[in-house]
C-alpha atoms as a PDB file:
ATOM      1  CA  MET A   1     118.786  80.795  65.930  1.00  0.00           C
ATOM      2  CA  LEU A   2     120.295  78.635  68.688  1.00  0.00           C
ATOM      3  CA  ARG A   3     122.676  81.465  69.527  1.00  0.00           C
ATOM      4  CA  LEU A   4     119.649  83.788  69.949  1.00  0.00           C
ATOM      5  CA  PHE A   5     117.932  81.441  72.422  1.00  0.00           C
ATOM      6  CA  LEU A   6     121.138  81.116  74.434  1.00  0.00           C
ATOM      7  CA  ASN A   7     121.505  84.899  74.680  1.00  0.00           C
ATOM      8  CA  PRO A   8     120.817  85.934  78.346  1.00  0.00           C
ATOM      9  CA  ARG A   9     119.195  89.214  77.267  1.00  0.00           C
ATOM     10  CA  PHE A  10     116.735  87.378  75.006  1.00  0.00           C
ATOM     11  CA  PHE A  11     115.887  84.946  77.806  1.00  0.00           C
ATOM     12  CA  SER A  12     115.193  87.837  80.219  1.00  0.00           C
ATOM     13  CA  LEU A  13     112.885  89.524  77.710  1.00  0.00           C
ATOM     14  CA  LEU A  14     111.051  86.236  77.188  1.00  0.00           C
ATOM     15  CA  LEU A  15     110.456  85.893  80.951  1.00  0.00           C
ATOM     16  CA  ILE A  16     109.069  89.435  81.128  1.00  0.00           C
ATOM     17  CA  LEU A  17     106.706  88.738  78.228  1.00  0.00           C
ATOM     18  CA  LEU A  18     105.438  85.514  79.821  1.00  0.00           C
ATOM     19  CA  ALA A  19     104.872  87.237  83.150  1.00  0.00           C
ATOM     20  CA  SER A  20     102.914  89.993  81.426  1.00  0.00           C
ATOM     21  CA  CYS A  21     100.666  87.484  79.657  1.00  0.00           C
ATOM     22  CA  SER A  22     100.126  85.607  82.918  1.00  0.00           C
ATOM     23  CA  SER A  23      99.057  88.835  84.612  1.00  0.00           C
ATOM     24  CA  MET A  24      96.425  89.509  81.960  1.00  0.00           C
ATOM     25  CA  ASP A  25      95.006  85.993  82.348  1.00  0.00           C
ATOM     26  CA  ASP A  26      95.038  86.045  86.149  1.00  0.00           C
ATOM     27  CA  ARG A  27      93.302  89.359  86.565  1.00  0.00           C
ATOM     28  CA  HIS A  28      90.150  88.124  84.836  1.00  0.00           C
ATOM     29  CA  GLY A  29      90.253  84.657  86.372  1.00  0.00           C
ATOM     30  CA  SER A  30      90.667  85.597  90.045  1.00  0.00           C
ATOM     31  CA  LEU A  31      90.123  89.331  90.309  1.00  0.00           C
ATOM     32  CA  ARG A  32      86.824  89.370  92.135  1.00  0.00           C
ATOM     33  CA  THR A  33      87.068  86.041  93.915  1.00  0.00           C
ATOM     34  CA  ARG A  34      90.208  86.318  96.034  1.00  0.00           C
ATOM     35  CA  TYR A  35      88.333  87.660  99.058  1.00  0.00           C
ATOM     36  CA  TYR A  36      84.715  88.380  98.073  1.00  0.00           C
ATOM     37  CA  SER A  37      82.656  87.842  94.936  1.00  0.00           C
ATOM     38  CA  PHE A  38      79.975  89.752  93.064  1.00  0.00           C
ATOM     39  CA  GLU A  39      77.471  87.061  94.033  1.00  0.00           C
ATOM     40  CA  HIS A  40      78.560  87.145  97.695  1.00  0.00           C
ATOM     41  CA  PRO A  41      79.765  90.721  98.342  1.00  0.00           C
ATOM     42  CA  ALA A  42      81.072  92.101 101.604  1.00  0.00           C
ATOM     43  CA  PRO A  43      78.561  93.909 103.839  1.00  0.00           C
ATOM     44  CA  PRO A  44      78.350  97.521 102.644  1.00  0.00           C
ATOM     45  CA  LEU A  45      80.114 100.136 104.743  1.00  0.00           C
ATOM     46  CA  ASP A  46      78.585 103.482 105.688  1.00  0.00           C
ATOM     47  CA  ARG A  47      78.102 105.920 102.839  1.00  0.00           C
ATOM     48  CA  LEU A  48      80.486 108.803 102.353  1.00  0.00           C
ATOM     49  CA  ARG A  49      79.263 111.806 104.373  1.00  0.00           C
ATOM     50  CA  PHE A  50      80.653 115.270 103.733  1.00  0.00           C
ATOM     51  CA  GLN A  51      81.722 117.565 106.567  1.00  0.00           C
ATOM     52  CA  TRP A  52      81.710 120.993 104.957  1.00  0.00           C
ATOM     53  CA  SER A  53      84.775 123.125 105.598  1.00  0.00           C
ATOM     54  CA  PRO A  54      86.703 126.001 104.027  1.00  0.00           C
ATOM     55  CA  GLU A  55      89.237 123.418 102.844  1.00  0.00           C
ATOM     56  CA  LEU A  56      86.560 121.459 100.987  1.00  0.00           C
ATOM     57  CA  GLU A  57      85.187 124.627  99.407  1.00  0.00           C
ATOM     58  CA  TYR A  58      88.671 125.598  98.274  1.00  0.00           C
ATOM     59  CA  SER A  59      89.152 122.177  96.677  1.00  0.00           C
ATOM     60  CA  LEU A  60      85.903 122.642  94.770  1.00  0.00           C
ATOM     61  CA  LYS A  61      87.291 125.961  93.576  1.00  0.00           C
ATOM     62  CA  HIS A  62      90.562 124.253  92.646  1.00  0.00           C
ATOM     63  CA  TYR A  63      88.848 121.719  90.363  1.00  0.00           C
ATOM     64  CA  LEU A  64      86.158 123.985  88.918  1.00  0.00           C
ATOM     65  CA  VAL A  65      87.958 127.331  88.603  1.00  0.00           C
ATOM     66  CA  ILE A  66      91.730 126.919  88.885  1.00  0.00           C
ATOM     67  CA  ASP A  67      92.474 123.493  87.357  1.00  0.00           C
ATOM     68  CA  PRO A  68      89.392 121.876  85.819  1.00  0.00           C
ATOM     69  CA  GLY A  69      91.605 119.899  83.464  1.00  0.00           C
ATOM     70  CA  HIS A  70      92.758 117.543  86.234  1.00  0.00           C
ATOM     71  CA  LEU A  71      89.418 115.775  86.698  1.00  0.00           C
ATOM     72  CA  LYS A  72      88.691 115.945  82.972  1.00  0.00           C
ATOM     73  CA  VAL A  73      91.847 113.976  82.172  1.00  0.00           C
ATOM     74  CA  ALA A  74      91.145 111.610  85.066  1.00  0.00           C
ATOM     75  CA  LYS A  75      87.669 110.891  83.725  1.00  0.00           C
ATOM     76  CA  GLN A  76      89.009 110.189  80.239  1.00  0.00           C
ATOM     77  CA  ASN A  77      91.544 107.709  81.654  1.00  0.00           C
ATOM     78  CA  ARG A  78      88.955 106.144  83.965  1.00  0.00           C
ATOM     79  CA  ASP A  79      86.246 105.562  81.365  1.00  0.00           C
ATOM     80  CA  GLN A  80      87.883 102.440  79.931  1.00  0.00           C
ATOM     81  CA  TYR A  81      87.802 100.736  83.353  1.00  0.00           C
ATOM     82  CA  GLU A  82      84.600 102.260  84.758  1.00  0.00           C
ATOM     83  CA  PRO A  83      82.341  99.150  84.930  1.00  0.00           C
ATOM     84  CA  GLU A  84      85.063  96.980  86.478  1.00  0.00           C
ATOM     85  CA  LEU A  85      86.036  99.606  89.070  1.00  0.00           C
ATOM     86  CA  LYS A  86      82.431 100.003  90.212  1.00  0.00           C
ATOM     87  CA  THR A  87      81.940  96.246  90.371  1.00  0.00           C
ATOM     88  CA  ILE A  88      85.037  95.827  92.556  1.00  0.00           C
ATOM     89  CA  PHE A  89      84.014  98.585  94.974  1.00  0.00           C
ATOM     90  CA  TYR A  90      80.488  97.135  95.168  1.00  0.00           C
ATOM     91  CA  THR A  91      81.956  93.708  95.887  1.00  0.00           C
ATOM     92  CA  TYR A  92      84.011  95.089  98.771  1.00  0.00           C
ATOM     93  CA  GLY A  93      81.186  97.237 100.154  1.00  0.00           C
ATOM     94  CA  VAL A  94      83.110 100.481  99.679  1.00  0.00           C
ATOM     95  CA  PRO A  95      81.276 103.656  98.539  1.00  0.00           C
ATOM     96  CA  GLN A  96      81.834 104.018  94.821  1.00  0.00           C
ATOM     97  CA  GLU A  97      82.561 107.733  95.161  1.00  0.00           C
ATOM     98  CA  LEU A  98      85.895 106.722  96.679  1.00  0.00           C
ATOM     99  CA  ILE A  99      87.080 105.550  93.278  1.00  0.00           C
ATOM    100  CA  ASN A 100      88.011 109.232  93.094  1.00  0.00           C
ATOM    101  CA  VAL A 101      90.985 108.498  95.334  1.00  0.00           C
ATOM    102  CA  ALA A 102      92.708 107.302  92.160  1.00  0.00           C
ATOM    103  CA  ALA A 103      91.641 110.464  90.326  1.00  0.00           C
ATOM    104  CA  ILE A 104      93.498 112.551  92.900  1.00  0.00           C
ATOM    105  CA  GLU A 105      96.443 110.190  93.274  1.00  0.00           C
ATOM    106  CA  SER A 106      97.259 109.625  89.608  1.00  0.00           C
ATOM    107  CA  LYS A 107      94.483 110.791  87.229  1.00  0.00           C
ATOM    108  CA  PHE A 108      94.045 107.026  86.624  1.00  0.00           C
ATOM    109  CA  ASN A 109      97.436 106.866  84.937  1.00  0.00           C
ATOM    110  CA  ILE A 110      98.594 103.247  85.312  1.00  0.00           C
ATOM    111  CA  TYR A 111     102.229 104.306  84.766  1.00  0.00           C
ATOM    112  CA  ALA A 112     102.201 107.027  87.436  1.00  0.00           C
ATOM    113  CA  ARG A 113     105.211 106.909  89.771  1.00  0.00           C
ATOM    114  CA  SER A 114     105.836 109.299  92.640  1.00  0.00           C
ATOM    115  CA  SER A 115     109.208 110.541  93.851  1.00  0.00           C
ATOM    116  CA  TYR A 116     108.714 108.289  96.909  1.00  0.00           C
ATOM    117  CA  GLY A 117     108.329 105.156  94.769  1.00  0.00           C
ATOM    118  CA  ALA A 118     104.527 104.841  94.840  1.00  0.00           C
ATOM    119  CA  VAL A 119     103.256 103.282  91.598  1.00  0.00           C
ATOM    120  CA  GLY A 120     100.038 102.863  89.627  1.00  0.00           C
ATOM    121  CA  ILE A 121      96.622 104.471  89.696  1.00  0.00           C
ATOM    122  CA  TRP A 122      96.315 103.928  93.475  1.00  0.00           C
ATOM    123  CA  GLN A 123      99.927 104.938  94.181  1.00  0.00           C
ATOM    124  CA  PHE A 124     100.775 101.935  96.318  1.00  0.00           C
ATOM    125  CA  MET A 125     104.120 101.718  98.041  1.00  0.00           C
ATOM    126  CA  LYS A 126     105.728  98.275  97.845  1.00  0.00           C
ATOM    127  CA  PRO A 127     105.016  97.131 101.452  1.00  0.00           C
ATOM    128  CA  THR A 128     101.311  98.025 101.302  1.00  0.00           C
ATOM    129  CA  ALA A 129     100.942  96.504  97.829  1.00  0.00           C
ATOM    130  CA  ARG A 130     102.411  93.206  98.990  1.00  0.00           C
ATOM    131  CA  GLN A 131     100.351  93.292 102.199  1.00  0.00           C
ATOM    132  CA  TYR A 132      97.207  93.403 100.053  1.00  0.00           C
ATOM    133  CA  GLY A 133      98.166  90.605  97.707  1.00  0.00           C
ATOM    134  CA  LEU A 134      99.885  92.394  94.834  1.00  0.00           C
ATOM    135  CA  LYS A 135     103.053  90.959  93.340  1.00  0.00           C
ATOM    136  CA  VAL A 136     105.906  93.434  93.037  1.00  0.00           C
ATOM    137  CA  SER A 137     109.151  92.312  91.442  1.00  0.00           C
ATOM    138  CA  LEU A 138     111.485  93.156  88.584  1.00  0.00           C
ATOM    139  CA  LEU A 139     109.447  90.930  86.264  1.00  0.00           C
ATOM    140  CA  ARG A 140     105.971  91.816  87.448  1.00  0.00           C
ATOM    141  CA  ASP A 141     104.502  94.838  89.186  1.00  0.00           C
ATOM    142  CA  GLU A 142     100.764  94.401  89.740  1.00  0.00           C
ATOM    143  CA  ARG A 143     100.500  97.950  91.048  1.00  0.00           C
ATOM    144  CA  LYS A 144     100.320  98.878  87.352  1.00  0.00           C
ATOM    145  CA  ASP A 145      97.395  96.527  86.746  1.00  0.00           C
ATOM    146  CA  PRO A 146      94.313  98.775  87.031  1.00  0.00           C
ATOM    147  CA  LEU A 147      91.984  95.963  88.114  1.00  0.00           C
ATOM    148  CA  LEU A 148      94.163  93.961  90.482  1.00  0.00           C
ATOM    149  CA  SER A 149      95.372  97.162  92.148  1.00  0.00           C
ATOM    150  CA  THR A 150      91.775  98.377  92.461  1.00  0.00           C
ATOM    151  CA  GLU A 151      90.867  95.206  94.324  1.00  0.00           C
ATOM    152  CA  ALA A 152      93.768  95.836  96.699  1.00  0.00           C
ATOM    153  CA  ALA A 153      92.743  99.481  97.122  1.00  0.00           C
ATOM    154  CA  ALA A 154      89.128  98.566  97.884  1.00  0.00           C
ATOM    155  CA  LEU A 155      90.239  96.077 100.532  1.00  0.00           C
ATOM    156  CA  TYR A 156      92.698  98.601 102.007  1.00  0.00           C
ATOM    157  CA  LEU A 157      90.046 101.330 102.178  1.00  0.00           C
ATOM    158  CA  ARG A 158      87.646  98.861 103.784  1.00  0.00           C
ATOM    159  CA  ASP A 159      90.218  97.959 106.431  1.00  0.00           C
ATOM    160  CA  LEU A 160      90.980 101.633 107.106  1.00  0.00           C
ATOM    161  CA  TYR A 161      87.308 102.458 107.585  1.00  0.00           C
ATOM    162  CA  GLN A 162      86.856  99.529 109.949  1.00  0.00           C
ATOM    163  CA  GLN A 163      89.833 100.820 111.938  1.00  0.00           C
ATOM    164  CA  PHE A 164      88.831 104.507 112.115  1.00  0.00           C
ATOM    165  CA  HIS A 165      85.011 104.366 111.614  1.00  0.00           C
ATOM    166  CA  ASP A 166      85.053 107.641 109.671  1.00  0.00           C
ATOM    167  CA  TRP A 167      85.838 108.200 106.013  1.00  0.00           C
ATOM    168  CA  HIS A 168      87.704 111.453 106.636  1.00  0.00           C
ATOM    169  CA  TRP A 169      90.152 109.654 108.907  1.00  0.00           C
ATOM    170  CA  ALA A 170      90.298 106.610 106.632  1.00  0.00           C
ATOM    171  CA  LEU A 171      91.274 108.826 103.693  1.00  0.00           C
ATOM    172  CA  ALA A 172      93.863 110.613 105.821  1.00  0.00           C
ATOM    173  CA  ALA A 173      95.327 107.221 106.755  1.00  0.00           C
ATOM    174  CA  TYR A 174      95.418 106.182 103.089  1.00  0.00           C
ATOM    175  CA  ASN A 175      97.612 109.208 102.417  1.00  0.00           C
ATOM    176  CA  ALA A 176      99.726 109.514 105.552  1.00  0.00           C
ATOM    177  CA  GLY A 177      99.601 105.996 106.969  1.00  0.00           C
ATOM    178  CA  PRO A 178      97.439 104.587 109.785  1.00  0.00           C
ATOM    179  CA  ALA A 179     100.097 104.908 112.498  1.00  0.00           C
ATOM    180  CA  ARG A 180     100.654 108.605 111.882  1.00  0.00           C
ATOM    181  CA  VAL A 181      96.925 109.330 111.808  1.00  0.00           C
ATOM    182  CA  MET A 182      96.376 107.422 115.048  1.00  0.00           C
ATOM    183  CA  GLN A 183      98.946 109.656 116.744  1.00  0.00           C
ATOM    184  CA  PHE A 184      96.847 112.739 115.965  1.00  0.00           C
ATOM    185  CA  ILE A 185      93.612 111.071 117.063  1.00  0.00           C
ATOM    186  CA  ARG A 186      95.180 110.161 120.415  1.00  0.00           C
ATOM    187  CA  GLN A 187      96.614 113.647 120.788  1.00  0.00           C
ATOM    188  CA  TYR A 188      93.271 115.357 120.028  1.00  0.00           C
ATOM    189  CA  PRO A 189      90.595 112.770 120.973  1.00  0.00           C
ATOM    190  CA  ASN A 190      87.694 115.242 121.206  1.00  0.00           C
ATOM    191  CA  LEU A 191      88.227 117.222 118.000  1.00  0.00           C
ATOM    192  CA  SER A 192      86.669 116.662 114.580  1.00  0.00           C
ATOM    193  CA  PHE A 193      88.828 115.716 111.620  1.00  0.00           C
ATOM    194  CA  TRP A 194      88.960 119.257 110.222  1.00  0.00           C
ATOM    195  CA  ASP A 195      89.833 120.741 113.625  1.00  0.00           C
ATOM    196  CA  VAL A 196      92.691 118.250 113.987  1.00  0.00           C
ATOM    197  CA  ALA A 197      93.787 118.884 110.396  1.00  0.00           C
ATOM    198  CA  ARG A 198      94.292 122.557 111.273  1.00  0.00           C
ATOM    199  CA  THR A 199      96.575 121.856 114.220  1.00  0.00           C
ATOM    200  CA  PRO A 200     100.353 122.417 113.986  1.00  0.00           C
ATOM    201  CA  GLY A 201     102.199 119.399 112.676  1.00  0.00           C
ATOM    202  CA  PHE A 202      99.317 117.852 110.755  1.00  0.00           C
ATOM    203  CA  PRO A 203     100.618 117.193 107.218  1.00  0.00           C
ATOM    204  CA  GLY A 204      99.276 119.769 104.792  1.00  0.00           C
ATOM    205  CA  GLN A 205      99.467 117.265 101.947  1.00  0.00           C
ATOM    206  CA  THR A 206      97.097 114.949 103.807  1.00  0.00           C
ATOM    207  CA  LYS A 207      94.619 117.723 104.576  1.00  0.00           C
ATOM    208  CA  ALA A 208      94.618 118.709 100.895  1.00  0.00           C
ATOM    209  CA  PHE A 209      94.275 115.072  99.807  1.00  0.00           C
ATOM    210  CA  VAL A 210      91.156 114.475 101.921  1.00  0.00           C
ATOM    211  CA  SER A 211      89.481 117.687 100.796  1.00  0.00           C
ATOM    212  CA  ARG A 212      90.273 116.987  97.132  1.00  0.00           C
ATOM    213  CA  VAL A 213      88.890 113.446  97.226  1.00  0.00           C
ATOM    214  CA  LEU A 214      85.696 114.772  98.807  1.00  0.00           C
ATOM    215  CA  ALA A 215      85.482 117.593  96.247  1.00  0.00           C
ATOM    216  CA  ALA A 216      85.929 115.188  93.337  1.00  0.00           C
ATOM    217  CA  SER A 217      83.222 112.959  94.836  1.00  0.00           C
ATOM    218  CA  ILE A 218      80.807 115.885  95.137  1.00  0.00           C
ATOM    219  CA  ILE A 219      81.501 116.936  91.547  1.00  0.00           C
ATOM    220  CA  GLU A 220      80.863 113.403  90.293  1.00  0.00           C
ATOM    221  CA  LYS A 221      77.808 112.745  92.470  1.00  0.00           C
ATOM    222  CA  ASN A 222      76.122 115.935  91.262  1.00  0.00           C
ATOM    223  CA  ASN A 223      77.132 115.507  87.587  1.00  0.00           C
ATOM    224  CA  ILE A 224      78.969 118.820  87.542  1.00  0.00           C
ATOM    225  CA  PRO A 225      80.877 119.222  84.232  1.00  0.00           C
ATOM    226  CA  CYS A 226      84.668 119.349  84.501  1.00  0.00           C
ATOM    227  CA  SER A 227      84.941 122.757  82.870  1.00  0.00           C
ATOM    228  CA  ARG A 228      86.030 126.153  84.171  1.00  0.00           C
ATOM    229  CA  ILE A 229      83.314 128.285  85.817  1.00  0.00           C
ATOM    230  CA  ASP A 230      83.488 131.775  87.313  1.00  0.00           C
ATOM    231  CA  GLU A 231      83.754 132.255  91.068  1.00  0.00           C
ATOM    232  CA  ALA A 232      80.335 133.896  91.404  1.00  0.00           C
ATOM    233  CA  LEU A 233      78.681 130.809  89.934  1.00  0.00           C
ATOM    234  CA  LEU A 234      80.819 128.596  92.175  1.00  0.00           C
ATOM    235  CA  THR A 235      79.637 130.489  95.274  1.00  0.00           C
ATOM    236  CA  ARG A 236      75.984 129.967  94.312  1.00  0.00           C
ATOM    237  CA  MET A 237      76.672 126.318  93.481  1.00  0.00           C
ATOM    238  CA  ILE A 238      78.286 125.686  96.874  1.00  0.00           C
ATOM    239  CA  SER A 239      75.251 127.204  98.621  1.00  0.00           C
ATOM    240  CA  VAL A 240      72.970 124.778  96.774  1.00  0.00           C
ATOM    241  CA  LEU A 241      75.290 121.829  97.447  1.00  0.00           C
ATOM    242  CA  LYS A 242      75.385 122.602 101.152  1.00  0.00           C
ATOM    243  CA  MET A 243      71.601 122.430 101.319  1.00  0.00           C
ATOM    244  CA  ALA A 244      71.515 119.230  99.261  1.00  0.00           C
ATOM    245  CA  HIS A 245      74.075 117.485 101.456  1.00  0.00           C
ATOM    246  CA  ALA A 246      72.976 118.928 104.805  1.00  0.00           C
END
């Protein structure tokens, strides 16, 4: 037995286990009180407004005709955290529809890892995660904690909106980084987001990301089932949605 305790591999595993247990305790003890609290929430930001565009309509088609399974899986993964996620976004004054950022980023898969090293349901890179209070080390990676990482994401989205004063640009910055987005705004100061997104050099991945988050938000807000529909029905549905969100 003594030989087991002196084994370096056993000691390393013990440290990992203790760190994991500590994470579970911490997330319920300090999750919603590090910056704001449910009793004293941050002032609410502007609601999410949709600027209709061909890109947004195509994303609706993507999730309702081409790949309806994506949002269906995301919803199944999200259901177990739903009340906590909404509470955190309320606490930080961020529109709850933007929880769908995680649906697009990872389908709410806490083990998701991108080829660039982004991890967790919000796909945080290490520098941004640490900037927003998450611990990232060999023993503990809070990007995988769905609640702690959601608090960081809500605060990050809040900061991005307060920097850009528009949710389209804030979402673009979440995907491409604030510095890169600011370059396009300075280059095209009088154009709308969608007009800038169509200019040469604007990252196609970012344009698709923004339109997909907005599409997922529209689908959720209007209680549209995540099941395949035909294109004729989609066309009629989009006409109704345009009038509802005019």
